[in-house]
C-alpha atoms as a PDB file:
ATOM      1  CA  MET A   1      22.398  21.263  91.279  1.00  0.00           C
ATOM      2  CA  LEU A   2      24.069  22.761  88.242  1.00  0.00           C
ATOM      3  CA  SER A   3      27.419  21.227  89.153  1.00  0.00           C
ATOM      4  CA  VAL A   4      25.828  17.779  89.279  1.00  0.00           C
ATOM      5  CA  VAL A   5      24.444  18.261  85.769  1.00  0.00           C
ATOM      6  CA  GLU A   6      27.823  19.499  84.575  1.00  0.00           C
ATOM      7  CA  GLY A   7      29.507  16.484  86.191  1.00  0.00           C
ATOM      8  CA  VAL A   8      27.098  14.118  84.427  1.00  0.00           C
ATOM      9  CA  MET A   9      27.638  15.901  81.123  1.00  0.00           C
ATOM     10  CA  ARG A  10      31.385  15.617  81.518  1.00  0.00           C
ATOM     11  CA  ARG A  11      31.163  11.903  82.208  1.00  0.00           C
ATOM     12  CA  LYS A  12      28.830  11.396  79.251  1.00  0.00           C
ATOM     13  CA  SER A  13      31.212  13.401  77.068  1.00  0.00           C
ATOM     14  CA  ALA A  14      34.118  11.236  78.231  1.00  0.00           C
ATOM     15  CA  ALA A  15      32.129   8.105  77.357  1.00  0.00           C
ATOM     16  CA  LYS A  16      31.484   9.528  73.881  1.00  0.00           C
ATOM     17  CA  TRP A  17      35.191  10.127  73.368  1.00  0.00           C
ATOM     18  CA  GLU A  18      35.932   6.565  74.499  1.00  0.00           C
ATOM     19  CA  SER A  19      33.714   5.202  71.704  1.00  0.00           C
ATOM     20  CA  ALA A  20      35.539   7.309  69.112  1.00  0.00           C
ATOM     21  CA  ARG A  21      38.918   6.269  70.484  1.00  0.00           C
ATOM     22  CA  GLY A  22      37.786   2.631  70.544  1.00  0.00           C
ATOM     23  CA  SER A  23      36.923   2.784  66.858  1.00  0.00           C
ATOM     24  CA  THR A  24      40.340   4.241  66.097  1.00  0.00           C
ATOM     25  CA  GLU A  25      42.001   1.424  68.023  1.00  0.00           C
ATOM     26  CA  ILE A  26      39.918  -1.148  66.144  1.00  0.00           C
ATOM     27  CA  ALA A  27      40.956   0.396  62.809  1.00  0.00           C
ATOM     28  CA  LEU A  28      44.616   0.315  63.893  1.00  0.00           C
ATOM     29  CA  ARG A  29      44.248  -3.343  64.885  1.00  0.00           C
ATOM     30  CA  ALA A  30      42.755  -4.034  61.442  1.00  0.00           C
ATOM     31  CA  CYS A  31      45.843  -2.405  59.877  1.00  0.00           C
ATOM     32  CA  LEU A  32      48.131  -4.750  61.794  1.00  0.00           C
ATOM     33  CA  ILE A  33      46.063  -7.766  60.790  1.00  0.00           C
ATOM     34  CA  ALA A  34      46.109  -6.723  57.115  1.00  0.00           C
ATOM     35  CA  ARG A  35      49.886  -6.248  57.335  1.00  0.00           C
ATOM     36  CA  ASP A  36      50.240  -9.757  58.782  1.00  0.00           C
ATOM     37  CA  ALA A  37      48.055 -11.125  56.000  1.00  0.00           C
ATOM     38  CA  ALA A  38      50.218  -9.436  53.347  1.00  0.00           C
ATOM     39  CA  PHE A  39      53.388 -10.844  54.918  1.00  0.00           C
ATOM     40  CA  ASN A  40      51.890 -14.336  55.040  1.00  0.00           C
ATOM     41  CA  VAL A  41      50.645 -14.160  51.440  1.00  0.00           C
ATOM     42  CA  GLN A  42      54.178 -13.298  50.386  1.00  0.00           C
ATOM     43  CA  ASP A  43      55.522 -16.206  52.462  1.00  0.00           C
ATOM     44  CA  TYR A  44      52.953 -18.581  51.016  1.00  0.00           C
ATOM     45  CA  ILE A  45      53.753 -17.560  47.437  1.00  0.00           C
ATOM     46  CA  ALA A  46      57.488 -17.927  48.048  1.00  0.00           C
ATOM     47  CA  THR A  47      57.535 -21.135  50.092  1.00  0.00           C
ATOM     48  CA  LYS A  48      54.070 -22.762  49.836  1.00  0.00           C
ATOM     49  CA  SER A  49      54.083 -22.826  53.653  1.00  0.00           C
ATOM     50  CA  GLN A  50      50.907 -24.344  55.109  1.00  0.00           C
ATOM     51  CA  MET A  51      51.378 -22.189  58.228  1.00  0.00           C
ATOM     52  CA  ALA A  52      51.361 -19.061  56.057  1.00  0.00           C
ATOM     53  CA  PHE A  53      48.249 -20.322  54.258  1.00  0.00           C
ATOM     54  CA  ILE A  54      46.430 -20.863  57.558  1.00  0.00           C
ATOM     55  CA  ALA A  55      47.623 -17.482  58.867  1.00  0.00           C
ATOM     56  CA  VAL A  56      46.177 -15.687  55.812  1.00  0.00           C
ATOM     57  CA  GLN A  57      42.887 -17.496  56.317  1.00  0.00           C
ATOM     58  CA  GLN A  58      42.814 -16.509  59.992  1.00  0.00           C
ATOM     59  CA  CYS A  59      43.662 -12.868  59.194  1.00  0.00           C
ATOM     60  CA  GLU A  60      40.804 -12.712  56.692  1.00  0.00           C
ATOM     61  CA  LYS A  61      38.382 -14.097  59.292  1.00  0.00           C
ATOM     62  CA  GLU A  62      39.563 -11.523  61.855  1.00  0.00           C
ATOM     63  CA  LEU A  63      39.102  -8.679  59.361  1.00  0.00           C
ATOM     64  CA  ASP A  64      35.561  -9.940  58.659  1.00  0.00           C
ATOM     65  CA  GLN A  65      34.816  -9.944  62.399  1.00  0.00           C
ATOM     66  CA  ILE A  66      36.180  -6.428  62.819  1.00  0.00           C
ATOM     67  CA  GLU A  67      34.053  -5.163  59.948  1.00  0.00           C
ATOM     68  CA  ARG A  68      30.944  -6.727  61.508  1.00  0.00           C
ATOM     69  CA  GLN A  69      31.832  -5.197  64.881  1.00  0.00           C
ATOM     70  CA  ILE A  70      32.182  -1.736  63.316  1.00  0.00           C
ATOM     71  CA  ASP A  71      28.937  -2.177  61.337  1.00  0.00           C
ATOM     72  CA  GLU A  72      27.026  -3.106  64.500  1.00  0.00           C
ATOM     73  CA  SER A  73      28.412  -0.382  66.768  1.00  0.00           C
ATOM     74  CA  MET A  74      28.594   2.554  64.364  1.00  0.00           C
ATOM     75  CA  PRO A  75      24.927   3.632  64.136  1.00  0.00           C
ATOM     76  CA  ALA A  76      24.566   4.125  67.891  1.00  0.00           C
ATOM     77  CA  ALA A  77      28.038   5.580  68.369  1.00  0.00           C
ATOM     78  CA  ILE A  78      27.721   8.175  65.623  1.00  0.00           C
ATOM     79  CA  THR A  79      24.552   9.659  67.114  1.00  0.00           C
ATOM     80  CA  GLU A  80      26.250  10.301  70.457  1.00  0.00           C
ATOM     81  CA  VAL A  81      29.322  12.281  69.421  1.00  0.00           C
ATOM     82  CA  THR A  82      30.255  15.711  68.137  1.00  0.00           C
ATOM     83  CA  GLU A  83      30.707  16.400  64.434  1.00  0.00           C
ATOM     84  CA  PRO A  84      34.530  16.059  64.496  1.00  0.00           C
ATOM     85  CA  GLU A  85      34.242  12.777  66.393  1.00  0.00           C
ATOM     86  CA  ALA A  86      31.582  11.585  63.925  1.00  0.00           C
ATOM     87  CA  ARG A  87      33.987  12.329  61.071  1.00  0.00           C
ATOM     88  CA  GLU A  88      36.646  10.280  62.848  1.00  0.00           C
ATOM     89  CA  LEU A  89      34.219   7.402  63.345  1.00  0.00           C
ATOM     90  CA  LEU A  90      33.178   7.499  59.684  1.00  0.00           C
ATOM     91  CA  GLY A  91      36.830   7.548  58.635  1.00  0.00           C
ATOM     92  CA  CYS A  92      37.529   4.522  60.815  1.00  0.00           C
ATOM     93  CA  MET A  93      34.532   2.726  59.355  1.00  0.00           C
ATOM     94  CA  LYS A  94      35.585   3.435  55.765  1.00  0.00           C
ATOM     95  CA  PHE A  95      39.170   2.457  56.481  1.00  0.00           C
ATOM     96  CA  THR A  96      38.084  -0.801  58.128  1.00  0.00           C
ATOM     97  CA  ILE A  97      35.790  -1.683  55.213  1.00  0.00           C
ATOM     98  CA  ASP A  98      38.664  -1.095  52.780  1.00  0.00           C
ATOM     99  CA  LEU A  99      41.003  -3.261  54.866  1.00  0.00           C
ATOM    100  CA  GLU A 100      38.430  -6.045  54.911  1.00  0.00           C
ATOM    101  CA  ARG A 101      38.301  -5.881  51.107  1.00  0.00           C
ATOM    102  CA  VAL A 102      42.090  -6.098  51.000  1.00  0.00           C
ATOM    103  CA  GLY A 103      41.846  -9.170  53.241  1.00  0.00           C
ATOM    104  CA  ASP A 104      39.359 -10.724  50.823  1.00  0.00           C
ATOM    105  CA  LEU A 105      41.712 -10.083  47.913  1.00  0.00           C
ATOM    106  CA  MET A 106      44.648 -11.595  49.766  1.00  0.00           C
ATOM    107  CA  TRP A 107      42.595 -14.651  50.642  1.00  0.00           C
ATOM    108  CA  SER A 108      41.356 -15.228  47.072  1.00  0.00           C
ATOM    109  CA  PRO A 109      44.480 -17.232  46.041  1.00  0.00           C
ATOM    110  CA  GLY A 110      43.821 -19.443  49.067  1.00  0.00           C
ATOM    111  CA  GLU A 111      40.255 -20.043  47.959  1.00  0.00           C
ATOM    112  CA  PHE A 112      41.590 -20.926  44.507  1.00  0.00           C
ATOM    113  CA  LYS A 113      43.904 -23.483  46.108  1.00  0.00           C
ATOM    114  CA  ILE A 114      41.026 -25.051  48.061  1.00  0.00           C
ATOM    115  CA  CYS A 115      38.847 -25.239  44.940  1.00  0.00           C
ATOM    116  CA  ARG A 116      41.659 -26.896  42.964  1.00  0.00           C
ATOM    117  CA  ARG A 117      41.973 -29.661  45.562  1.00  0.00           C
ATOM    118  CA  ARG A 118      38.303 -30.624  45.197  1.00  0.00           C
END
């Protein structure tokens, strides 16, 4: 009977680690999106490329979605992990929030352009 309980605990522990690893992967994906946004802002400034403009807009939307995903999943995830994993989750959350702010800042020239057209 004890081995069954240990087996369940191991599986539950593995599921906990998966949630922490998933948050890390989401934060890494947010980094790549922010990098793409920065590249496209530079391209838009240099060439006034409409494709770059649209790409920056799309990157900002993706960063917003990632932030919402982290905000929704974090409360439950953080209560199910060890202290070191909780620190990792909190770090991922903070990092993702900061990247979303960077996305907003990169998109602000695009919003200015849209407002000028009206």
